[in-house]
């Protein structure tokens, strides 16, 4: 009889039967180990939670007074003989890869991750394992990120140009992760940073956890409009097109997302500027991260799983698609851009018909 794997994919989430716990489950369970505080990975309703200590206040802000145990990176917790330890994922503040070991068998669940050090999150660390469970949100070769220093140079220049032309500057990014990354890389000589309440609530939770962030000022009904318009306004995707945003007119509206790499994405979001900035690994980052684990097999949970698993198998990995409910982050959800996805799939298929695997998928082997 074949040996039962240490981790299984069930209707409730990724399950360790030996340890009697789940990782990022989407249905209520007794013991949940959480990679990070985004809503598609951290659900309400579990009896007990385990997460990195920098996620503590954000999880409680989002989920309420949960029964939460927190640990440092590299610290081990034993559940029913199974060793659990957390390692940096580089995705957002407090994000972690979950390493699970029993009798020499090692699995790593990545959650979401990126390889570039953003200066806010603890930088990604590859973890050696036999089996690696990975996202592939941007698992297409067209997704290749510029260094963030170049992206923020563009953002800061755009902000200065808006000031020169008498326009308010509104920059949109996800409230946990993207907003703090933007905040820490803005040129504050340009002016103050004003925040939507959802973003400021998240900032306050992180500050309670000891995270040092640049100064921000919450926008309230009493905030002087003309003073706010002199600075830069950080807003969540949910504010786009609302009366809250329109009250700052005339403004220039920018959107930060990995999807800005797709033709038409900026237009669909009615943005004046699209900045390609993602808290997920790009095509090369995914391949580098998987290769660095030295894993025997890789399981792809969400994103372009079909295309990416096919490529990994062609270059020698043992790759598998699995069904999960991850990938629902507000601005990083492929379902929000169906037409662009269809166009992209067609472009990739045309290339596949014309070129070898090494040529069409970036020459990585």
Protein backbone atom coordinates (compact mmCIF):
# COMPACT_ATOMS: atom_id res chain seq x y z
CA UNK A 1 0.00 0.00 0.00
CA UNK A 2 1.31 3.46 -0.95
CA UNK A 3 2.37 5.69 1.92
CA UNK A 4 -0.21 8.32 2.79
CA UNK A 5 1.12 11.84 2.10
CA UNK A 6 1.73 14.09 5.08
CA UNK A 7 -0.50 16.83 3.59
CA UNK A 8 -3.73 16.28 1.67
CA UNK A 9 -6.04 18.54 -0.33
CA UNK A 10 -9.56 18.31 1.10
CA UNK A 11 -12.86 20.13 0.72
CA UNK A 12 -12.00 22.21 3.80
CA UNK A 13 -8.39 23.05 2.95
CA UNK A 14 -4.87 21.63 3.09
CA UNK A 15 -4.97 19.00 5.84
CA UNK A 16 -2.37 17.20 7.94
CA UNK A 17 -4.15 14.11 9.28
CA UNK A 18 -1.16 13.06 11.39
CA UNK A 19 -1.00 16.47 13.09
CA UNK A 20 -4.77 17.08 13.02
CA UNK A 21 -4.49 20.63 11.67
CA UNK A 22 -5.25 22.54 8.47
CA UNK A 23 -3.28 25.20 6.62
CA UNK A 24 -5.31 28.20 5.38
CA UNK A 25 -8.63 26.30 5.54
CA UNK A 26 -11.71 27.91 4.01
CA UNK A 27 -14.24 25.98 6.11
CA UNK A 28 -14.40 26.10 9.94
CA UNK A 29 -11.94 23.69 11.60
CA UNK A 30 -10.48 23.16 15.07
CA UNK A 31 -6.84 23.98 14.31
CA UNK A 32 -5.83 26.38 11.53
CA UNK A 33 -2.29 27.44 10.62
CA UNK A 34 -2.44 30.72 8.69
CA UNK A 35 0.11 31.89 6.10
CA UNK A 36 -1.05 35.53 6.13
CA UNK A 37 -3.99 37.78 6.92
CA UNK A 38 -5.51 38.26 3.44
CA UNK A 39 -9.16 37.30 3.32
CA UNK A 40 -8.72 34.34 0.94
CA UNK A 41 -6.30 32.69 3.39
CA UNK A 42 -7.56 33.77 6.83
CA UNK A 43 -11.22 32.90 7.40
CA UNK A 44 -13.41 33.50 10.44
CA UNK A 45 -14.81 30.52 12.34
CA UNK A 46 -11.86 28.34 13.35
CA UNK A 47 -11.46 27.34 17.01
CA UNK A 48 -7.71 27.94 17.18
CA UNK A 49 -5.30 29.87 14.95
CA UNK A 50 -1.53 29.79 14.58
CA UNK A 51 0.27 32.55 12.65
CA UNK A 52 3.36 34.75 12.63
CA UNK A 53 3.39 37.35 15.39
CA UNK A 54 3.43 40.29 12.93
CA UNK A 55 0.01 39.12 11.70
CA UNK A 56 -1.48 39.24 15.19
CA UNK A 57 -3.10 42.68 15.23
CA UNK A 58 -4.22 42.60 11.58
CA UNK A 59 -5.86 39.19 12.07
CA UNK A 60 -7.69 40.48 15.14
CA UNK A 61 -8.70 43.67 13.33
CA UNK A 62 -10.15 41.57 10.50
CA UNK A 63 -11.50 38.55 12.41
CA UNK A 64 -12.19 39.81 15.93
CA UNK A 65 -11.08 38.23 19.23
CA UNK A 66 -9.96 34.86 17.90
CA UNK A 67 -7.97 32.28 19.90
CA UNK A 68 -4.58 33.02 18.35
CA UNK A 69 -1.10 31.63 19.00
CA UNK A 70 1.78 33.46 17.33
CA UNK A 71 5.39 32.47 16.69
CA UNK A 72 8.60 33.95 15.32
CA UNK A 73 10.13 32.89 12.01
CA UNK A 74 12.02 29.62 12.49
CA UNK A 75 10.31 28.80 15.79
CA UNK A 76 8.89 25.25 15.94
CA UNK A 77 5.51 24.15 17.27
CA UNK A 78 4.71 20.45 17.70
CA UNK A 79 1.17 19.25 17.04
CA UNK A 80 0.60 15.54 17.63
CA UNK A 81 4.20 14.76 16.82
CA UNK A 82 4.32 16.90 13.66
CA UNK A 83 6.75 19.84 13.59
CA UNK A 84 5.43 23.16 12.23
CA UNK A 85 7.66 26.17 11.60
CA UNK A 86 7.18 29.44 9.72
CA UNK A 87 9.56 31.10 7.26
CA UNK A 88 9.34 34.49 5.49
CA UNK A 89 7.23 34.61 2.32
CA UNK A 90 7.92 38.26 1.45
CA UNK A 91 4.29 38.75 0.38
CA UNK A 92 3.03 41.19 3.05
CA UNK A 93 4.00 42.02 6.62
CA UNK A 94 3.75 38.83 8.69
CA UNK A 95 3.33 36.50 5.72
CA UNK A 96 4.88 33.06 6.11
CA UNK A 97 5.63 29.82 4.37
CA UNK A 98 4.55 26.87 6.52
CA UNK A 99 7.12 24.08 6.89
CA UNK A 100 5.65 20.77 8.07
CA UNK A 101 7.89 17.81 9.02
CA UNK A 102 7.23 14.30 10.28
CA UNK A 103 9.76 11.42 10.36
CA UNK A 104 12.00 13.14 7.83
CA UNK A 105 9.24 13.99 5.33
CA UNK A 106 9.09 17.75 4.69
CA UNK A 107 6.36 19.77 3.02
CA UNK A 108 6.28 23.55 2.56
CA UNK A 109 3.10 25.52 1.92
CA UNK A 110 4.07 28.87 0.43
CA UNK A 111 0.81 30.76 0.74
CA UNK A 112 1.45 33.79 -1.48
CA UNK A 113 4.98 35.09 -1.97
CA UNK A 114 7.33 37.35 -3.86
CA UNK A 115 11.11 37.27 -4.10
CA UNK A 116 11.95 40.98 -4.31
CA UNK A 117 12.68 42.56 -0.93
CA UNK A 118 10.12 45.39 -0.69
CA UNK A 119 11.68 46.99 2.39
CA UNK A 120 8.54 46.44 4.48
CA UNK A 121 7.90 42.69 4.64
CA UNK A 122 10.55 40.26 5.87
CA UNK A 123 12.31 39.10 2.72
CA UNK A 124 11.47 35.70 1.19
CA UNK A 125 13.66 32.76 2.20
CA UNK A 126 13.71 29.51 0.19
CA UNK A 127 13.07 26.43 2.32
CA UNK A 128 14.37 22.99 1.33
CA UNK A 129 11.64 20.36 1.17
CA UNK A 130 10.42 17.22 -0.56
CA UNK A 131 7.05 18.68 -1.58
CA UNK A 132 6.29 22.35 -2.26
CA UNK A 133 2.78 23.81 -2.46
CA UNK A 134 2.97 27.00 -4.50
CA UNK A 135 0.77 29.73 -5.86
CA UNK A 136 1.17 30.80 -9.49
CA UNK A 137 -1.03 33.91 -9.65
CA UNK A 138 1.22 35.33 -12.36
CA UNK A 139 2.38 32.05 -13.85
CA UNK A 140 2.68 33.34 -17.42
CA UNK A 141 5.93 34.47 -19.08
CA UNK A 142 4.48 37.88 -19.96
CA UNK A 143 4.50 38.72 -16.26
CA UNK A 144 8.04 39.93 -15.55
CA UNK A 145 8.39 42.69 -12.99
CA UNK A 146 10.74 45.66 -13.16
CA UNK A 147 12.76 46.36 -9.99
CA UNK A 148 10.53 48.30 -7.60
CA UNK A 149 12.98 51.21 -7.49
CA UNK A 150 12.08 51.91 -11.13
CA UNK A 151 8.35 51.64 -10.44
CA UNK A 152 8.54 54.07 -7.52
CA UNK A 153 10.63 56.48 -9.52
CA UNK A 154 7.74 56.57 -12.00
CA UNK A 155 5.20 56.99 -9.20
CA UNK A 156 7.09 59.82 -7.52
CA UNK A 157 7.64 61.63 -10.83
CA UNK A 158 3.92 61.30 -11.62
CA UNK A 159 3.04 62.73 -8.20
CA UNK A 160 5.36 65.72 -8.76
CA UNK A 161 3.85 66.33 -12.21
CA UNK A 162 0.34 66.30 -10.73
CA UNK A 163 1.36 68.91 -8.16
CA UNK A 164 2.78 71.07 -10.94
CA UNK A 165 -0.49 70.85 -12.90
CA UNK A 166 -2.76 71.51 -9.91
CA UNK A 167 -4.14 67.96 -9.76
CA UNK A 168 -4.75 65.88 -6.67
CA UNK A 169 -2.98 62.49 -6.72
CA UNK A 170 -4.99 59.38 -5.87
CA UNK A 171 -3.12 56.07 -5.81
CA UNK A 172 -4.99 52.79 -5.39
CA UNK A 173 -3.60 49.60 -3.88
CA UNK A 174 -4.76 46.74 -1.70
CA UNK A 175 -5.12 47.79 1.95
CA UNK A 176 -2.82 45.10 3.40
CA UNK A 177 0.54 44.80 1.71
CA UNK A 178 0.37 47.08 -1.31
CA UNK A 179 -0.60 50.20 0.64
CA UNK A 180 2.26 49.82 3.13
CA UNK A 181 4.75 49.05 0.36
CA UNK A 182 3.69 52.22 -1.45
CA UNK A 183 3.83 54.27 1.75
CA UNK A 184 7.38 53.22 2.57
CA UNK A 185 8.70 54.00 -0.91
CA UNK A 186 7.10 57.39 -1.60
CA UNK A 187 9.22 60.52 -1.79
CA UNK A 188 7.78 62.41 1.17
CA UNK A 189 9.50 65.62 0.12
CA UNK A 190 6.58 65.92 -2.30
CA UNK A 191 4.06 66.25 0.51
CA UNK A 192 1.95 64.43 3.10
CA UNK A 193 0.34 61.00 2.72
CA UNK A 194 -3.41 60.89 3.34
CA UNK A 195 -5.24 57.60 3.73
CA UNK A 196 -8.69 56.12 3.27
CA UNK A 197 -10.06 54.73 6.55
CA UNK A 198 -9.70 51.08 5.50
CA UNK A 199 -6.00 51.56 4.80
CA UNK A 200 -5.43 53.61 7.95
CA UNK A 201 -7.14 50.95 10.10
CA UNK A 202 -4.67 48.41 8.69
CA UNK A 203 -1.74 50.77 9.26
CA UNK A 204 -2.81 51.28 12.88
CA UNK A 205 -3.05 47.51 13.44
CA UNK A 206 0.46 47.03 12.08
CA UNK A 207 1.81 49.88 14.21
CA UNK A 208 0.26 48.24 17.31
CA UNK A 209 2.29 45.17 16.32
CA UNK A 210 5.48 47.23 16.37
CA UNK A 211 5.80 47.76 12.62
CA UNK A 212 7.42 51.11 11.81
CA UNK A 213 5.60 52.94 9.01
CA UNK A 214 5.99 56.41 7.56
CA UNK A 215 3.56 59.08 8.84
CA UNK A 216 0.02 59.11 7.44
CA UNK A 217 -3.10 61.16 8.08
CA UNK A 218 -6.56 59.60 8.00
CA UNK A 219 -9.09 61.35 5.77
CA UNK A 220 -12.26 62.19 7.69
CA UNK A 221 -15.30 64.37 7.07
CA UNK A 222 -13.40 67.17 8.79
CA UNK A 223 -10.26 66.93 6.64
CA UNK A 224 -9.75 70.17 4.67
CA UNK A 225 -10.19 69.19 1.03
CA UNK A 226 -7.60 71.61 -0.31
CA UNK A 227 -4.97 70.42 2.16
CA UNK A 228 -5.60 66.79 1.24
CA UNK A 229 -5.34 67.62 -2.45
CA UNK A 230 -1.80 68.94 -1.90
CA UNK A 231 -0.57 65.54 -0.75
CA UNK A 232 -1.04 62.02 -2.09
CA UNK A 233 -4.16 60.01 -1.31
CA UNK A 234 -3.84 56.23 -0.77
CA UNK A 235 -7.10 54.42 -1.42
CA UNK A 236 -8.31 50.80 -1.63
CA UNK A 237 -9.78 49.34 -4.85
CA UNK A 238 -13.27 49.48 -3.32
CA UNK A 239 -13.16 53.29 -3.37
CA UNK A 240 -12.77 53.58 -7.15
CA UNK A 241 -15.69 55.45 -8.72
CA UNK A 242 -17.32 56.30 -5.39
CA UNK A 243 -18.41 59.76 -4.16
CA UNK A 244 -15.56 59.55 -1.62
CA UNK A 245 -12.99 59.63 -4.41
CA UNK A 246 -14.85 62.10 -6.62
CA UNK A 247 -14.79 64.77 -3.90
CA UNK A 248 -11.07 65.28 -4.57
CA UNK A 249 -11.56 66.31 -8.21
CA UNK A 250 -9.75 67.38 -10.25
CA UNK A 251 -7.32 64.51 -9.70
CA UNK A 252 -5.12 62.02 -11.50
CA UNK A 253 -5.90 58.44 -10.51
CA UNK A 254 -3.23 55.70 -10.53
CA UNK A 255 -3.65 51.97 -9.96
CA UNK A 256 -0.93 49.64 -8.61
CA UNK A 257 -1.33 45.99 -9.57
CA UNK A 258 0.42 43.20 -11.39
CA UNK A 259 -2.55 43.11 -13.75
CA UNK A 260 -1.46 46.48 -15.11
CA UNK A 261 0.96 44.44 -17.24
CA UNK A 262 -2.04 43.28 -19.33
CA UNK A 263 -3.19 45.41 -22.25
CA UNK A 264 -6.47 47.10 -21.36
CA UNK A 265 -6.30 46.60 -17.58
CA UNK A 266 -5.76 50.30 -16.90
CA UNK A 267 -8.71 51.17 -19.15
CA UNK A 268 -11.01 48.68 -17.42
CA UNK A 269 -10.27 50.30 -14.09
CA UNK A 270 -10.69 53.82 -15.55
CA UNK A 271 -7.24 54.77 -14.28
CA UNK A 272 -5.12 57.58 -15.66
CA UNK A 273 -1.96 55.65 -14.85
CA UNK A 274 -1.30 51.98 -14.32
CA UNK A 275 1.76 50.96 -12.31
CA UNK A 276 2.90 47.33 -12.57
CA UNK A 277 3.48 46.53 -8.91
CA UNK A 278 2.53 43.17 -7.43
CA UNK A 279 3.06 41.46 -4.10
CA UNK A 280 3.21 38.11 -5.92
CA UNK A 281 6.19 36.51 -7.64
CA UNK A 282 6.47 36.99 -11.38
CA UNK A 283 7.21 34.22 -13.89
CA UNK A 284 10.95 34.11 -13.20
CA UNK A 285 10.43 34.46 -9.46
CA UNK A 286 8.09 31.48 -9.33
CA UNK A 287 10.55 29.26 -11.18
CA UNK A 288 13.49 30.44 -9.06
CA UNK A 289 11.58 29.87 -5.81
CA UNK A 290 10.46 26.37 -6.79
CA UNK A 291 13.93 25.41 -8.00
CA UNK A 292 15.54 26.69 -4.77
CA UNK A 293 13.45 24.30 -2.64
CA UNK A 294 15.03 21.24 -4.30
CA UNK A 295 11.58 19.67 -4.10
CA UNK A 296 10.62 16.32 -5.61
CA UNK A 297 7.12 17.51 -6.46
CA UNK A 298 5.25 20.81 -6.66
CA UNK A 299 1.52 21.44 -6.26
CA UNK A 300 -0.01 24.58 -7.78
CA UNK A 301 -2.97 26.02 -5.92
CA UNK A 302 -4.18 29.12 -7.78
CA UNK A 303 -3.43 31.32 -10.75
CA UNK A 304 -2.40 30.02 -14.20
CA UNK A 305 -2.11 26.47 -12.89
CA UNK A 306 -2.66 24.68 -16.22
CA UNK A 307 -0.09 26.64 -18.21
CA UNK A 308 2.47 26.75 -15.43
CA UNK A 309 2.21 23.07 -14.46
CA UNK A 310 2.56 22.05 -18.11
CA UNK A 311 5.75 24.09 -18.41
CA UNK A 312 7.21 22.79 -15.14
CA UNK A 313 6.61 19.20 -16.21
CA UNK A 314 8.28 19.86 -19.56
CA UNK A 315 11.45 21.14 -17.88
CA UNK A 316 11.68 18.21 -15.46
CA UNK A 317 9.59 18.99 -12.39
CA UNK A 318 6.82 16.73 -11.10
CA UNK A 319 4.05 19.37 -11.08
CA UNK A 320 0.36 18.98 -10.27
CA UNK A 321 -2.69 21.26 -10.32
CA UNK A 322 -4.86 21.22 -7.19
CA UNK A 323 -8.19 22.88 -6.44
CA UNK A 324 -8.33 25.46 -3.65
CA UNK A 325 -10.29 28.63 -2.91
CA UNK A 326 -7.25 30.90 -2.82
CA UNK A 327 -6.67 33.81 -5.17
CA UNK A 328 -9.55 36.07 -4.20
CA UNK A 329 -7.56 39.13 -3.12
CA UNK A 330 -9.31 42.29 -4.19
CA UNK A 331 -6.92 43.58 -6.82
CA UNK A 332 -5.10 40.34 -7.68
CA UNK A 333 -8.11 38.29 -8.77
CA UNK A 334 -7.88 36.97 -12.36
CA UNK A 335 -11.67 36.66 -12.50
CA UNK A 336 -11.88 40.45 -12.58
CA UNK A 337 -10.18 40.57 -15.97
CA UNK A 338 -11.80 37.85 -18.09
CA UNK A 339 -11.31 39.49 -21.48
CA UNK A 340 -7.63 40.24 -20.90
CA UNK A 341 -7.10 36.67 -19.73
CA UNK A 342 -8.68 35.31 -22.91
CA UNK A 343 -6.49 37.58 -25.03
CA UNK A 344 -3.42 36.51 -23.07
CA UNK A 345 -4.22 32.81 -23.34
CA UNK A 346 -4.61 33.19 -27.10
CA UNK A 347 -1.29 35.02 -27.39
CA UNK A 348 0.51 32.33 -25.40
CA UNK A 349 -1.10 29.53 -27.44
CA UNK A 350 0.01 31.19 -30.67
CA UNK A 351 3.56 31.42 -29.35
CA UNK A 352 3.49 27.81 -28.16
CA UNK A 353 2.58 26.70 -31.66
CA UNK A 354 5.54 28.53 -33.14
CA UNK A 355 8.40 28.13 -30.67
CA UNK A 356 10.03 25.53 -28.47
CA UNK A 357 9.35 25.49 -24.73
CA UNK A 358 12.70 27.11 -23.93
CA UNK A 359 12.11 29.92 -26.42
CA UNK A 360 8.48 30.74 -25.74
CA UNK A 361 8.69 30.57 -21.96
CA UNK A 362 11.75 32.64 -21.37
CA UNK A 363 14.55 30.17 -21.95
CA UNK A 364 14.48 28.80 -18.39
CA UNK A 365 15.50 25.17 -18.11
